[in-house]
């Protein structure tokens, strides 16, 4: 049995992929937004990795990007493999997909998990409407990564994010094949 330790923004995607990953695992989801405080992220991640190691799992797959400058050092004492991405967007769409969209301008990406967590993340950053609009003023808009094919049901949430940030939104259909391949590669790296 493997363990997956993941940022909470990935929870619904992981559970959707569960039957198609081809291996048994226990999933552990840490709160979204820990990346805004490196100490909080390190403490939560280390505690969960230690818990998984104590459970005697075959290996631990960590679903985070490079959200902490010492991510490799944090994972080193554990039989853990980090998925190969820079951030949660890079995990859900390919780098080429990001580069293609960047040709149109700078966008802020929202996954379903990010759309659920943005209020708490902004609160942790002490961002009100004014701070959000100032901090995100260079973005042309936001892109909803429709990994769950639920965009039509999320319009109210997207409009609320628009009202807060003043960023018009676009919908980008996303196939979870890339994310699945990152998880599989991380698992296979634990078998070497």
C-alpha atoms as a PDB file:
ATOM      1  CA  UNK A   1       0.000   0.000   0.000  1.00  0.00           C
ATOM      2  CA  UNK A   2       1.252   3.439  -0.951  1.00  0.00           C
ATOM      3  CA  UNK A   3       0.416   6.801   0.551  1.00  0.00           C
ATOM      4  CA  UNK A   4      -0.365   9.957  -1.329  1.00  0.00           C
ATOM      5  CA  UNK A   5       0.239  13.189   0.545  1.00  0.00           C
ATOM      6  CA  UNK A   6      -1.306  16.030  -1.390  1.00  0.00           C
ATOM      7  CA  UNK A   7      -2.228  19.651  -1.213  1.00  0.00           C
ATOM      8  CA  UNK A   8      -5.969  19.879  -0.692  1.00  0.00           C
ATOM      9  CA  UNK A   9      -6.384  21.619  -4.065  1.00  0.00           C
ATOM     10  CA  UNK A  10      -5.859  18.215  -5.702  1.00  0.00           C
ATOM     11  CA  UNK A  11      -8.351  16.213  -3.636  1.00  0.00           C
ATOM     12  CA  UNK A  12     -11.182  15.907  -6.132  1.00  0.00           C
ATOM     13  CA  UNK A  13      -8.851  15.176  -9.041  1.00  0.00           C
ATOM     14  CA  UNK A  14      -7.047  12.435  -7.090  1.00  0.00           C
ATOM     15  CA  UNK A  15     -10.321  10.841  -6.049  1.00  0.00           C
ATOM     16  CA  UNK A  16     -11.584  11.000  -9.635  1.00  0.00           C
ATOM     17  CA  UNK A  17      -8.380   9.297 -10.824  1.00  0.00           C
ATOM     18  CA  UNK A  18      -8.278   6.724  -8.006  1.00  0.00           C
ATOM     19  CA  UNK A  19      -9.814   3.839 -10.027  1.00  0.00           C
ATOM     20  CA  UNK A  20      -7.459   4.538 -12.954  1.00  0.00           C
ATOM     21  CA  UNK A  21      -4.112   4.784 -11.181  1.00  0.00           C
ATOM     22  CA  UNK A  22      -3.565   1.032 -10.963  1.00  0.00           C
ATOM     23  CA  UNK A  23      -2.281   0.847  -7.386  1.00  0.00           C
ATOM     24  CA  UNK A  24      -3.737   0.955  -3.903  1.00  0.00           C
ATOM     25  CA  UNK A  25      -3.085   4.012  -1.768  1.00  0.00           C
ATOM     26  CA  UNK A  26      -4.288   5.937   1.236  1.00  0.00           C
ATOM     27  CA  UNK A  27      -4.719   9.618   0.430  1.00  0.00           C
ATOM     28  CA  UNK A  28      -3.884  12.355   2.916  1.00  0.00           C
ATOM     29  CA  UNK A  29      -4.876  15.910   2.036  1.00  0.00           C
ATOM     30  CA  UNK A  30      -3.259  18.901   3.682  1.00  0.00           C
ATOM     31  CA  UNK A  31      -5.082  22.233   3.794  1.00  0.00           C
ATOM     32  CA  UNK A  32      -4.790  24.352   0.673  1.00  0.00           C
ATOM     33  CA  UNK A  33      -2.845  27.544   1.144  1.00  0.00           C
ATOM     34  CA  UNK A  34      -0.054  26.252   3.356  1.00  0.00           C
ATOM     35  CA  UNK A  35       2.373  27.465   0.678  1.00  0.00           C
ATOM     36  CA  UNK A  36       1.883  31.082   1.797  1.00  0.00           C
ATOM     37  CA  UNK A  37       3.792  30.312   5.027  1.00  0.00           C
ATOM     38  CA  UNK A  38       6.851  28.110   4.534  1.00  0.00           C
ATOM     39  CA  UNK A  39       7.021  27.185   8.231  1.00  0.00           C
ATOM     40  CA  UNK A  40       3.396  26.016   8.241  1.00  0.00           C
ATOM     41  CA  UNK A  41       3.913  24.010   5.053  1.00  0.00           C
ATOM     42  CA  UNK A  42       7.096  22.369   6.329  1.00  0.00           C
ATOM     43  CA  UNK A  43       5.555  21.458   9.682  1.00  0.00           C
ATOM     44  CA  UNK A  44       2.362  20.015   8.183  1.00  0.00           C
ATOM     45  CA  UNK A  45       4.189  18.115   5.459  1.00  0.00           C
ATOM     46  CA  UNK A  46       6.818  16.653   7.802  1.00  0.00           C
ATOM     47  CA  UNK A  47       4.154  15.571  10.305  1.00  0.00           C
ATOM     48  CA  UNK A  48       2.119  13.830   7.599  1.00  0.00           C
ATOM     49  CA  UNK A  49       5.190  12.172   6.068  1.00  0.00           C
ATOM     50  CA  UNK A  50       6.184  10.875   9.499  1.00  0.00           C
ATOM     51  CA  UNK A  51       2.666   9.533  10.049  1.00  0.00           C
ATOM     52  CA  UNK A  52       2.772   7.719   6.693  1.00  0.00           C
ATOM     53  CA  UNK A  53       6.204   6.264   7.410  1.00  0.00           C
ATOM     54  CA  UNK A  54       4.930   5.012  10.792  1.00  0.00           C
ATOM     55  CA  UNK A  55       2.083   3.263   8.960  1.00  0.00           C
ATOM     56  CA  UNK A  56       4.672   1.210   7.061  1.00  0.00           C
ATOM     57  CA  UNK A  57       3.666   2.200   3.539  1.00  0.00           C
ATOM     58  CA  UNK A  58       5.688   0.998   0.545  1.00  0.00           C
ATOM     59  CA  UNK A  59       6.322   4.570  -0.525  1.00  0.00           C
ATOM     60  CA  UNK A  60       4.907   8.063  -0.362  1.00  0.00           C
ATOM     61  CA  UNK A  61       3.891  10.065  -3.418  1.00  0.00           C
ATOM     62  CA  UNK A  62       3.822  13.785  -2.705  1.00  0.00           C
ATOM     63  CA  UNK A  63       1.488  15.923  -4.796  1.00  0.00           C
ATOM     64  CA  UNK A  64       2.932  19.387  -4.463  1.00  0.00           C
ATOM     65  CA  UNK A  65       4.948  21.594  -6.733  1.00  0.00           C
ATOM     66  CA  UNK A  66       8.074  23.403  -5.631  1.00  0.00           C
ATOM     67  CA  UNK A  67       5.945  25.184  -3.028  1.00  0.00           C
ATOM     68  CA  UNK A  68       8.776  25.318  -0.483  1.00  0.00           C
ATOM     69  CA  UNK A  69      12.369  26.285  -1.274  1.00  0.00           C
ATOM     70  CA  UNK A  70      13.610  23.231   0.669  1.00  0.00           C
ATOM     71  CA  UNK A  71      11.096  20.694  -0.631  1.00  0.00           C
ATOM     72  CA  UNK A  72      13.778  18.111  -1.477  1.00  0.00           C
ATOM     73  CA  UNK A  73      15.329  18.420   1.992  1.00  0.00           C
ATOM     74  CA  UNK A  74      11.918  18.016   3.661  1.00  0.00           C
ATOM     75  CA  UNK A  75      11.227  14.810   1.706  1.00  0.00           C
ATOM     76  CA  UNK A  76      14.707  13.304   1.921  1.00  0.00           C
ATOM     77  CA  UNK A  77      14.312  11.381   5.245  1.00  0.00           C
ATOM     78  CA  UNK A  78      11.223   9.582   3.910  1.00  0.00           C
ATOM     79  CA  UNK A  79      10.730   7.116   1.071  1.00  0.00           C
ATOM     80  CA  UNK A  80       8.897   9.858  -0.821  1.00  0.00           C
ATOM     81  CA  UNK A  81       8.726  11.041  -4.412  1.00  0.00           C
ATOM     82  CA  UNK A  82       7.563  14.481  -5.445  1.00  0.00           C
ATOM     83  CA  UNK A  83       5.642  14.802  -8.695  1.00  0.00           C
ATOM     84  CA  UNK A  84       7.623  16.571 -11.406  1.00  0.00           C
ATOM     85  CA  UNK A  85       6.069  20.035 -11.630  1.00  0.00           C
ATOM     86  CA  UNK A  86       6.729  23.580 -10.511  1.00  0.00           C
ATOM     87  CA  UNK A  87       3.256  24.280  -9.117  1.00  0.00           C
ATOM     88  CA  UNK A  88      -0.310  23.026  -9.088  1.00  0.00           C
ATOM     89  CA  UNK A  89      -1.090  24.535 -12.490  1.00  0.00           C
ATOM     90  CA  UNK A  90       1.932  22.840 -14.023  1.00  0.00           C
ATOM     91  CA  UNK A  91       0.662  19.569 -12.546  1.00  0.00           C
ATOM     92  CA  UNK A  92      -2.722  19.849 -14.223  1.00  0.00           C
ATOM     93  CA  UNK A  93      -1.724  21.181 -17.621  1.00  0.00           C
ATOM     94  CA  UNK A  94       1.544  20.707 -19.425  1.00  0.00           C
ATOM     95  CA  UNK A  95       4.227  23.373 -19.480  1.00  0.00           C
ATOM     96  CA  UNK A  96       3.465  23.732 -23.212  1.00  0.00           C
ATOM     97  CA  UNK A  97      -0.196  24.346 -22.388  1.00  0.00           C
ATOM     98  CA  UNK A  98       0.831  27.128 -20.014  1.00  0.00           C
ATOM     99  CA  UNK A  99       3.224  28.602 -22.577  1.00  0.00           C
ATOM    100  CA  UNK A 100       0.552  28.538 -25.287  1.00  0.00           C
ATOM    101  CA  UNK A 101      -1.886  30.414 -23.048  1.00  0.00           C
ATOM    102  CA  UNK A 102       0.870  32.852 -22.009  1.00  0.00           C
ATOM    103  CA  UNK A 103       1.121  34.010 -25.632  1.00  0.00           C
ATOM    104  CA  UNK A 104      -2.224  35.730 -25.008  1.00  0.00           C
ATOM    105  CA  UNK A 105      -0.959  37.442 -21.835  1.00  0.00           C
ATOM    106  CA  UNK A 106      -0.501  36.784 -18.135  1.00  0.00           C
ATOM    107  CA  UNK A 107      -3.325  34.833 -16.475  1.00  0.00           C
ATOM    108  CA  UNK A 108      -4.101  33.634 -12.973  1.00  0.00           C
ATOM    109  CA  UNK A 109      -5.089  29.954 -12.987  1.00  0.00           C
ATOM    110  CA  UNK A 110      -7.813  28.468 -10.817  1.00  0.00           C
ATOM    111  CA  UNK A 111      -8.374  24.741 -10.444  1.00  0.00           C
ATOM    112  CA  UNK A 112     -11.572  23.536  -8.759  1.00  0.00           C
ATOM    113  CA  UNK A 113      -9.641  23.206  -5.506  1.00  0.00           C
ATOM    114  CA  UNK A 114      -8.206  26.698  -5.848  1.00  0.00           C
ATOM    115  CA  UNK A 115     -11.675  28.076  -6.542  1.00  0.00           C
ATOM    116  CA  UNK A 116     -12.853  26.456  -3.304  1.00  0.00           C
ATOM    117  CA  UNK A 117      -9.860  27.684  -1.292  1.00  0.00           C
ATOM    118  CA  UNK A 118      -9.065  31.165  -2.596  1.00  0.00           C
ATOM    119  CA  UNK A 119     -10.880  33.007   0.206  1.00  0.00           C
ATOM    120  CA  UNK A 120      -8.899  31.184   2.874  1.00  0.00           C
ATOM    121  CA  UNK A 121      -5.639  31.599   0.949  1.00  0.00           C
ATOM    122  CA  UNK A 122      -6.220  35.326   0.524  1.00  0.00           C
ATOM    123  CA  UNK A 123      -7.139  35.586   4.218  1.00  0.00           C
ATOM    124  CA  UNK A 124      -3.834  33.900   5.124  1.00  0.00           C
ATOM    125  CA  UNK A 125      -2.096  36.490   2.935  1.00  0.00           C
ATOM    126  CA  UNK A 126      -4.088  39.330   4.583  1.00  0.00           C
ATOM    127  CA  UNK A 127      -5.565  40.269   1.224  1.00  0.00           C
ATOM    128  CA  UNK A 128      -8.806  42.163   1.077  1.00  0.00           C
ATOM    129  CA  UNK A 129     -10.369  43.394  -2.157  1.00  0.00           C
ATOM    130  CA  UNK A 130      -7.908  46.279  -2.500  1.00  0.00           C
ATOM    131  CA  UNK A 131      -4.826  44.103  -1.916  1.00  0.00           C
ATOM    132  CA  UNK A 132      -6.100  41.424  -4.283  1.00  0.00           C
ATOM    133  CA  UNK A 133      -6.778  43.890  -7.060  1.00  0.00           C
ATOM    134  CA  UNK A 134      -3.400  45.569  -6.575  1.00  0.00           C
ATOM    135  CA  UNK A 135      -1.531  42.260  -6.289  1.00  0.00           C
ATOM    136  CA  UNK A 136      -3.254  40.783  -9.309  1.00  0.00           C
ATOM    137  CA  UNK A 137      -3.400  43.918 -11.418  1.00  0.00           C
ATOM    138  CA  UNK A 138      -0.882  42.627 -13.948  1.00  0.00           C
ATOM    139  CA  UNK A 139      -3.061  39.631 -14.854  1.00  0.00           C
ATOM    140  CA  UNK A 140      -5.240  39.838 -17.940  1.00  0.00           C
ATOM    141  CA  UNK A 141      -7.803  37.567 -16.383  1.00  0.00           C
ATOM    142  CA  UNK A 142      -8.264  34.232 -14.701  1.00  0.00           C
ATOM    143  CA  UNK A 143      -8.452  30.793 -16.278  1.00  0.00           C
ATOM    144  CA  UNK A 144     -10.614  28.116 -14.700  1.00  0.00           C
ATOM    145  CA  UNK A 145      -8.966  24.743 -15.315  1.00  0.00           C
ATOM    146  CA  UNK A 146     -12.057  22.606 -15.807  1.00  0.00           C
ATOM    147  CA  UNK A 147     -10.561  19.327 -14.624  1.00  0.00           C
ATOM    148  CA  UNK A 148     -13.879  18.034 -13.266  1.00  0.00           C
ATOM    149  CA  UNK A 149     -16.050  19.197 -16.178  1.00  0.00           C
ATOM    150  CA  UNK A 150     -18.077  21.256 -13.707  1.00  0.00           C
ATOM    151  CA  UNK A 151     -17.586  24.797 -15.047  1.00  0.00           C
ATOM    152  CA  UNK A 152     -21.277  25.250 -15.805  1.00  0.00           C
ATOM    153  CA  UNK A 153     -22.083  24.577 -12.153  1.00  0.00           C
ATOM    154  CA  UNK A 154     -19.307  26.873 -10.851  1.00  0.00           C
ATOM    155  CA  UNK A 155     -20.399  30.112 -12.515  1.00  0.00           C
ATOM    156  CA  UNK A 156     -21.526  31.685  -9.209  1.00  0.00           C
ATOM    157  CA  UNK A 157     -18.133  30.882  -7.634  1.00  0.00           C
ATOM    158  CA  UNK A 158     -16.275  32.237 -10.659  1.00  0.00           C
ATOM    159  CA  UNK A 159     -18.319  35.441 -10.593  1.00  0.00           C
ATOM    160  CA  UNK A 160     -17.529  35.850  -6.898  1.00  0.00           C
ATOM    161  CA  UNK A 161     -13.802  35.545  -7.659  1.00  0.00           C
ATOM    162  CA  UNK A 162     -14.265  38.070 -10.495  1.00  0.00           C
ATOM    163  CA  UNK A 163     -16.066  40.503  -8.188  1.00  0.00           C
ATOM    164  CA  UNK A 164     -13.249  40.261  -5.637  1.00  0.00           C
ATOM    165  CA  UNK A 165     -10.275  40.446  -8.017  1.00  0.00           C
ATOM    166  CA  UNK A 166     -11.742  42.241 -11.045  1.00  0.00           C
ATOM    167  CA  UNK A 167     -10.258  39.489 -13.249  1.00  0.00           C
ATOM    168  CA  UNK A 168     -12.585  38.275 -16.018  1.00  0.00           C
ATOM    169  CA  UNK A 169     -12.546  34.507 -16.305  1.00  0.00           C
ATOM    170  CA  UNK A 170     -12.138  32.020 -19.112  1.00  0.00           C
ATOM    171  CA  UNK A 171     -12.804  28.287 -19.046  1.00  0.00           C
ATOM    172  CA  UNK A 172     -10.071  25.857 -20.143  1.00  0.00           C
ATOM    173  CA  UNK A 173     -11.126  22.207 -20.531  1.00  0.00           C
ATOM    174  CA  UNK A 174      -8.470  19.981 -18.956  1.00  0.00           C
ATOM    175  CA  UNK A 175      -7.912  16.272 -19.397  1.00  0.00           C
ATOM    176  CA  UNK A 176      -6.397  14.633 -16.313  1.00  0.00           C
ATOM    177  CA  UNK A 177      -4.024  12.467 -18.365  1.00  0.00           C
ATOM    178  CA  UNK A 178      -1.030  14.719 -17.645  1.00  0.00           C
ATOM    179  CA  UNK A 179      -1.712  14.765 -13.893  1.00  0.00           C
ATOM    180  CA  UNK A 180      -2.178  10.983 -13.882  1.00  0.00           C
ATOM    181  CA  UNK A 181       1.137  10.489 -15.704  1.00  0.00           C
ATOM    182  CA  UNK A 182       2.964  12.599 -13.099  1.00  0.00           C
ATOM    183  CA  UNK A 183       1.550  10.467 -10.286  1.00  0.00           C
ATOM    184  CA  UNK A 184       2.452   7.224 -12.070  1.00  0.00           C
ATOM    185  CA  UNK A 185       6.015   8.442 -12.763  1.00  0.00           C
ATOM    186  CA  UNK A 186       6.489   9.402  -9.116  1.00  0.00           C
ATOM    187  CA  UNK A 187       5.250   5.981  -8.004  1.00  0.00           C
ATOM    188  CA  UNK A 188       7.554   4.223 -10.467  1.00  0.00           C
ATOM    189  CA  UNK A 189      10.527   6.234  -9.192  1.00  0.00           C
ATOM    190  CA  UNK A 190       9.896   4.729  -5.736  1.00  0.00           C
ATOM    191  CA  UNK A 191      10.235   1.218  -7.192  1.00  0.00           C
ATOM    192  CA  UNK A 192      13.805   1.760  -8.446  1.00  0.00           C
END
